[in-house]
Amino acid sequence: MLNSNGAKIILGTPSSDSLVIPLTPSATTMFGPRGACLISETGPLWVADTGHHRLLGWRKCP
């Protein structure tokens, strides 16, 4: 997940320079993600969205 090439995707925000705090949870936003768990290289990927008190999951890595 980490290398010197930089980010290819950013989860939970419309752009890398966005500072908007999403007060209402949606399928495409996160508020205070604090942890991620990648089960294997192909997924699933789980992210704790602590600001919205939920766990988000993707079957495949986005």
PDB file of N, CA and C in Angstrom:
ATOM      1  N   MET A   1       0.811  -1.189   0.000  1.00  0.00           N
ATOM      2  CA  MET A   1       0.000   0.000   0.000  1.00  0.00           C
ATOM      3  C   MET A   1       0.854   1.254   0.000  1.00  0.00           C
ATOM      4  N   LEU A   2       2.098   1.166   0.405  1.00  0.00           N
ATOM      5  CA  LEU A   2       2.965   2.338   0.424  1.00  0.00           C
ATOM      6  C   LEU A   2       4.146   2.135  -0.512  1.00  0.00           C
ATOM      7  N   ASN A   3       4.430   3.147  -1.313  1.00  0.00           N
ATOM      8  CA  ASN A   3       5.639   3.162  -2.126  1.00  0.00           C
ATOM      9  C   ASN A   3       5.967   4.609  -2.462  1.00  0.00           C
ATOM     10  N   SER A   4       7.021   4.819  -3.224  1.00  0.00           N
ATOM     11  CA  SER A   4       7.457   6.186  -3.519  1.00  0.00           C
ATOM     12  C   SER A   4       6.726   6.804  -4.709  1.00  0.00           C
ATOM     13  N   ASN A   5       5.775   6.104  -5.302  1.00  0.00           N
ATOM     14  CA  ASN A   5       5.066   6.619  -6.474  1.00  0.00           C
ATOM     15  C   ASN A   5       3.940   7.586  -6.139  1.00  0.00           C
ATOM     16  N   GLY A   6       3.536   7.669  -4.903  1.00  0.00           N
ATOM     17  CA  GLY A   6       2.431   8.543  -4.536  1.00  0.00           C
ATOM     18  C   GLY A   6       1.096   7.832  -4.662  1.00  0.00           C
ATOM     19  N   ALA A   7       0.042   8.534  -4.341  1.00  0.00           N
ATOM     20  CA  ALA A   7      -1.297   7.938  -4.318  1.00  0.00           C
ATOM     21  C   ALA A   7      -1.880   7.813  -5.719  1.00  0.00           C
ATOM     22  N   LYS A   8      -2.486   6.658  -5.989  1.00  0.00           N
ATOM     23  CA  LYS A   8      -3.239   6.466  -7.227  1.00  0.00           C
ATOM     24  C   LYS A   8      -4.707   6.775  -6.995  1.00  0.00           C
ATOM     25  N   ILE A   9      -5.201   6.467  -5.799  1.00  0.00           N
ATOM     26  CA  ILE A   9      -6.572   6.782  -5.414  1.00  0.00           C
ATOM     27  C   ILE A   9      -6.566   7.290  -3.980  1.00  0.00           C
ATOM     28  N   ILE A  10      -7.573   8.065  -3.637  1.00  0.00           N
ATOM     29  CA  ILE A  10      -7.754   8.545  -2.270  1.00  0.00           C
ATOM     30  C   ILE A  10      -9.198   8.256  -1.899  1.00  0.00           C
ATOM     31  N   LEU A  11      -9.395   7.479  -0.864  1.00  0.00           N
ATOM     32  CA  LEU A  11     -10.744   7.092  -0.454  1.00  0.00           C
ATOM     33  C   LEU A  11     -11.363   8.146   0.447  1.00  0.00           C
ATOM     34  N   GLY A  12     -12.644   8.426   0.252  1.00  0.00           N
ATOM     35  CA  GLY A  12     -13.392   9.270   1.166  1.00  0.00           C
ATOM     36  C   GLY A  12     -13.306  10.756   0.950  1.00  0.00           C
ATOM     37  N   THR A  13     -12.694  11.204  -0.134  1.00  0.00           N
ATOM     38  CA  THR A  13     -12.595  12.632  -0.416  1.00  0.00           C
ATOM     39  C   THR A  13     -12.627  12.848  -1.929  1.00  0.00           C
ATOM     40  N   PRO A  14     -13.214  13.934  -2.402  1.00  0.00           N
ATOM     41  CA  PRO A  14     -13.297  14.156  -3.843  1.00  0.00           C
ATOM     42  C   PRO A  14     -11.951  14.440  -4.507  1.00  0.00           C
ATOM     43  N   SER A  15     -10.978  14.968  -3.764  1.00  0.00           N
ATOM     44  CA  SER A  15      -9.665  15.259  -4.340  1.00  0.00           C
ATOM     45  C   SER A  15      -8.619  15.274  -3.235  1.00  0.00           C
ATOM     46  N   SER A  16      -7.352  15.249  -3.643  1.00  0.00           N
ATOM     47  CA  SER A  16      -6.273  15.197  -2.657  1.00  0.00           C
ATOM     48  C   SER A  16      -6.109  16.498  -1.882  1.00  0.00           C
ATOM     49  N   ASP A  17      -6.643  17.598  -2.386  1.00  0.00           N
ATOM     50  CA  ASP A  17      -6.517  18.879  -1.686  1.00  0.00           C
ATOM     51  C   ASP A  17      -7.818  19.316  -1.015  1.00  0.00           C
ATOM     52  N   SER A  18      -8.768  18.406  -0.889  1.00  0.00           N
ATOM     53  CA  SER A  18     -10.058  18.717  -0.281  1.00  0.00           C
ATOM     54  C   SER A  18      -9.964  18.729   1.239  1.00  0.00           C
ATOM     55  N   LEU A  19     -10.494  19.761   1.868  1.00  0.00           N
ATOM     56  CA  LEU A  19     -10.535  19.855   3.326  1.00  0.00           C
ATOM     57  C   LEU A  19     -11.972  19.930   3.834  1.00  0.00           C
ATOM     58  N   VAL A  20     -12.925  19.540   3.013  1.00  0.00           N
ATOM     59  CA  VAL A  20     -14.335  19.569   3.378  1.00  0.00           C
ATOM     60  C   VAL A  20     -14.613  18.469   4.393  1.00  0.00           C
ATOM     61  N   ILE A  21     -15.275  18.814   5.492  1.00  0.00           N
ATOM     62  CA  ILE A  21     -15.659  17.830   6.503  1.00  0.00           C
ATOM     63  C   ILE A  21     -17.088  17.395   6.207  1.00  0.00           C
ATOM     64  N   PRO A  22     -17.270  16.139   5.788  1.00  0.00           N
ATOM     65  CA  PRO A  22     -18.619  15.668   5.461  1.00  0.00           C
ATOM     66  C   PRO A  22     -19.420  15.375   6.722  1.00  0.00           C
ATOM     67  N   LEU A  23     -20.405  16.203   7.017  1.00  0.00           N
ATOM     68  CA  LEU A  23     -21.203  16.020   8.225  1.00  0.00           C
ATOM     69  C   LEU A  23     -22.217  14.894   8.075  1.00  0.00           C
ATOM     70  N   THR A  24     -22.681  14.670   6.854  1.00  0.00           N
ATOM     71  CA  THR A  24     -23.633  13.598   6.588  1.00  0.00           C
ATOM     72  C   THR A  24     -22.903  12.443   5.920  1.00  0.00           C
ATOM     73  N   PRO A  25     -22.984  11.242   6.477  1.00  0.00           N
ATOM     74  CA  PRO A  25     -22.300  10.100   5.863  1.00  0.00           C
ATOM     75  C   PRO A  25     -22.864   9.783   4.478  1.00  0.00           C
ATOM     76  N   SER A  26     -21.991   9.375   3.584  1.00  0.00           N
ATOM     77  CA  SER A  26     -22.416   8.910   2.263  1.00  0.00           C
ATOM     78  C   SER A  26     -21.505   7.759   1.849  1.00  0.00           C
ATOM     79  N   ALA A  27     -21.807   7.157   0.721  1.00  0.00           N
ATOM     80  CA  ALA A  27     -21.010   6.035   0.232  1.00  0.00           C
ATOM     81  C   ALA A  27     -19.633   6.468  -0.256  1.00  0.00           C
ATOM     82  N   THR A  28     -19.436   7.766  -0.478  1.00  0.00           N
ATOM     83  CA  THR A  28     -18.165   8.238  -1.040  1.00  0.00           C
ATOM     84  C   THR A  28     -17.375   9.152  -0.111  1.00  0.00           C
ATOM     85  N   THR A  29     -17.821   9.333   1.134  1.00  0.00           N
ATOM     86  CA  THR A  29     -17.103  10.215   2.053  1.00  0.00           C
ATOM     87  C   THR A  29     -16.757   9.505   3.352  1.00  0.00           C
ATOM     88  N   MET A  30     -15.696   9.987   3.991  1.00  0.00           N
ATOM     89  CA  MET A  30     -15.305   9.509   5.316  1.00  0.00           C
ATOM     90  C   MET A  30     -14.962  10.717   6.178  1.00  0.00           C
ATOM     91  N   PHE A  31     -15.150  10.578   7.472  1.00  0.00           N
ATOM     92  CA  PHE A  31     -14.837  11.639   8.422  1.00  0.00           C
ATOM     93  C   PHE A  31     -14.033  11.016   9.562  1.00  0.00           C
ATOM     94  N   GLY A  32     -12.742  11.175   9.503  1.00  0.00           N
ATOM     95  CA  GLY A  32     -11.872  10.644  10.544  1.00  0.00           C
ATOM     96  C   GLY A  32     -11.521   9.180  10.397  1.00  0.00           C
ATOM     97  N   PRO A  33     -11.143   8.731   9.183  1.00  0.00           N
ATOM     98  CA  PRO A  33     -10.721   7.336   9.071  1.00  0.00           C
ATOM     99  C   PRO A  33      -9.471   7.098   9.915  1.00  0.00           C
ATOM    100  N   ARG A  34      -9.478   6.042  10.718  1.00  0.00           N
ATOM    101  CA  ARG A  34      -8.378   5.810  11.654  1.00  0.00           C
ATOM    102  C   ARG A  34      -7.674   4.474  11.487  1.00  0.00           C
ATOM    103  N   GLY A  35      -8.236   3.587  10.695  1.00  0.00           N
ATOM    104  CA  GLY A  35      -7.594   2.290  10.534  1.00  0.00           C
ATOM    105  C   GLY A  35      -8.040   1.617   9.262  1.00  0.00           C
ATOM    106  N   ALA A  36      -7.151   0.804   8.705  1.00  0.00           N
ATOM    107  CA  ALA A  36      -7.469   0.047   7.497  1.00  0.00           C
ATOM    108  C   ALA A  36      -6.931  -1.359   7.645  1.00  0.00           C
ATOM    109  N   CYS A  37      -7.647  -2.312   7.068  1.00  0.00           N
ATOM    110  CA  CYS A  37      -7.235  -3.708   7.099  1.00  0.00           C
ATOM    111  C   CYS A  37      -7.417  -4.282   5.705  1.00  0.00           C
ATOM    112  N   LEU A  38      -6.325  -4.681   5.088  1.00  0.00           N
ATOM    113  CA  LEU A  38      -6.359  -5.314   3.772  1.00  0.00           C
ATOM    114  C   LEU A  38      -6.117  -6.798   3.987  1.00  0.00           C
ATOM    115  N   ILE A  39      -7.113  -7.629   3.698  1.00  0.00           N
ATOM    116  CA  ILE A  39      -7.038  -9.056   3.974  1.00  0.00           C
ATOM    117  C   ILE A  39      -6.031  -9.749   3.061  1.00  0.00           C
ATOM    118  N   SER A  40      -6.013  -9.409   1.780  1.00  0.00           N
ATOM    119  CA  SER A  40      -5.029  -9.936   0.830  1.00  0.00           C
ATOM    120  C   SER A  40      -4.786  -8.870  -0.229  1.00  0.00           C
ATOM    121  N   GLU A  41      -3.889  -9.128  -1.172  1.00  0.00           N
ATOM    122  CA  GLU A  41      -3.588  -8.129  -2.203  1.00  0.00           C
ATOM    123  C   GLU A  41      -4.796  -7.786  -3.060  1.00  0.00           C
ATOM    124  N   THR A  42      -5.755  -8.689  -3.143  1.00  0.00           N
ATOM    125  CA  THR A  42      -6.936  -8.450  -3.971  1.00  0.00           C
ATOM    126  C   THR A  42      -8.163  -8.041  -3.163  1.00  0.00           C
ATOM    127  N   GLY A  43      -8.055  -8.026  -1.854  1.00  0.00           N
ATOM    128  CA  GLY A  43      -9.173  -7.591  -1.019  1.00  0.00           C
ATOM    129  C   GLY A  43      -9.642  -8.707  -0.123  1.00  0.00           C
ATOM    130  N   PRO A  44     -10.629  -8.475   0.683  1.00  0.00           N
ATOM    131  CA  PRO A  44     -11.347  -7.216   0.859  1.00  0.00           C
ATOM    132  C   PRO A  44     -10.545  -6.182   1.658  1.00  0.00           C
ATOM    133  N   LEU A  45     -10.963  -4.937   1.539  1.00  0.00           N
ATOM    134  CA  LEU A  45     -10.365  -3.818   2.258  1.00  0.00           C
ATOM    135  C   LEU A  45     -11.413  -3.262   3.208  1.00  0.00           C
ATOM    136  N   TRP A  46     -11.045  -3.096   4.467  1.00  0.00           N
ATOM    137  CA  TRP A  46     -11.936  -2.536   5.491  1.00  0.00           C
ATOM    138  C   TRP A  46     -11.308  -1.261   6.039  1.00  0.00           C
ATOM    139  N   VAL A  47     -12.126  -0.207   6.214  1.00  0.00           N
ATOM    140  CA  VAL A  47     -11.651   1.068   6.762  1.00  0.00           C
ATOM    141  C   VAL A  47     -12.601   1.507   7.870  1.00  0.00           C
ATOM    142  N   ALA A  48     -12.043   1.870   9.022  1.00  0.00           N
ATOM    143  CA  ALA A  48     -12.838   2.386  10.141  1.00  0.00           C
ATOM    144  C   ALA A  48     -13.043   3.886   9.949  1.00  0.00           C
ATOM    145  N   ASP A  49     -14.279   4.282   9.725  1.00  0.00           N
ATOM    146  CA  ASP A  49     -14.660   5.691   9.583  1.00  0.00           C
ATOM    147  C   ASP A  49     -15.164   6.145  10.952  1.00  0.00           C
ATOM    148  N   THR A  50     -14.242   6.552  11.815  1.00  0.00           N
ATOM    149  CA  THR A  50     -14.590   6.816  13.213  1.00  0.00           C
ATOM    150  C   THR A  50     -15.493   8.029  13.393  1.00  0.00           C
ATOM    151  N   GLY A  51     -15.375   9.027  12.536  1.00  0.00           N
ATOM    152  CA  GLY A  51     -16.217  10.210  12.658  1.00  0.00           C
ATOM    153  C   GLY A  51     -17.686   9.929  12.402  1.00  0.00           C
ATOM    154  N   HIS A  52     -17.965   8.923  11.571  1.00  0.00           N
ATOM    155  CA  HIS A  52     -19.345   8.546  11.273  1.00  0.00           C
ATOM    156  C   HIS A  52     -19.733   7.246  11.973  1.00  0.00           C
ATOM    157  N   HIS A  53     -18.861   6.735  12.838  1.00  0.00           N
ATOM    158  CA  HIS A  53     -19.150   5.540  13.646  1.00  0.00           C
ATOM    159  C   HIS A  53     -19.573   4.353  12.782  1.00  0.00           C
ATOM    160  N   ARG A  54     -18.732   4.023  11.790  1.00  0.00           N
ATOM    161  CA  ARG A  54     -19.070   2.908  10.906  1.00  0.00           C
ATOM    162  C   ARG A  54     -17.805   2.257  10.358  1.00  0.00           C
ATOM    163  N   LEU A  55     -17.976   1.097   9.786  1.00  0.00           N
ATOM    164  CA  LEU A  55     -16.909   0.351   9.135  1.00  0.00           C
ATOM    165  C   LEU A  55     -17.292   0.207   7.667  1.00  0.00           C
ATOM    166  N   LEU A  56     -16.388   0.621   6.775  1.00  0.00           N
ATOM    167  CA  LEU A  56     -16.649   0.541   5.340  1.00  0.00           C
ATOM    168  C   LEU A  56     -15.831  -0.589   4.740  1.00  0.00           C
ATOM    169  N   GLY A  57     -16.411  -1.326   3.814  1.00  0.00           N
ATOM    170  CA  GLY A  57     -15.713  -2.444   3.198  1.00  0.00           C
ATOM    171  C   GLY A  57     -15.856  -2.462   1.691  1.00  0.00           C
ATOM    172  N   TRP A  58     -14.797  -2.907   1.027  1.00  0.00           N
ATOM    173  CA  TRP A  58     -14.778  -3.095  -0.412  1.00  0.00           C
ATOM    174  C   TRP A  58     -14.376  -4.535  -0.688  1.00  0.00           C
ATOM    175  N   ARG A  59     -15.115  -5.227  -1.559  1.00  0.00           N
ATOM    176  CA  ARG A  59     -14.777  -6.614  -1.887  1.00  0.00           C
ATOM    177  C   ARG A  59     -13.428  -6.711  -2.572  1.00  0.00           C
ATOM    178  N   LYS A  60     -13.143  -5.748  -3.452  1.00  0.00           N
ATOM    179  CA  LYS A  60     -11.857  -5.665  -4.139  1.00  0.00           C
ATOM    180  C   LYS A  60     -11.219  -4.340  -3.764  1.00  0.00           C
ATOM    181  N   CYS A  61      -9.914  -4.275  -3.859  1.00  0.00           N
ATOM    182  CA  CYS A  61      -9.241  -2.997  -3.613  1.00  0.00           C
ATOM    183  C   CYS A  61      -9.674  -2.013  -4.693  1.00  0.00           C
ATOM    184  N   PRO A  62     -10.079  -0.817  -4.294  1.00  0.00           N
ATOM    185  CA  PRO A  62     -10.556   0.178  -5.273  1.00  0.00           C
ATOM    186  C   PRO A  62      -9.461   0.618  -6.233  1.00  0.00           C
TER     187      PRO A  62
END
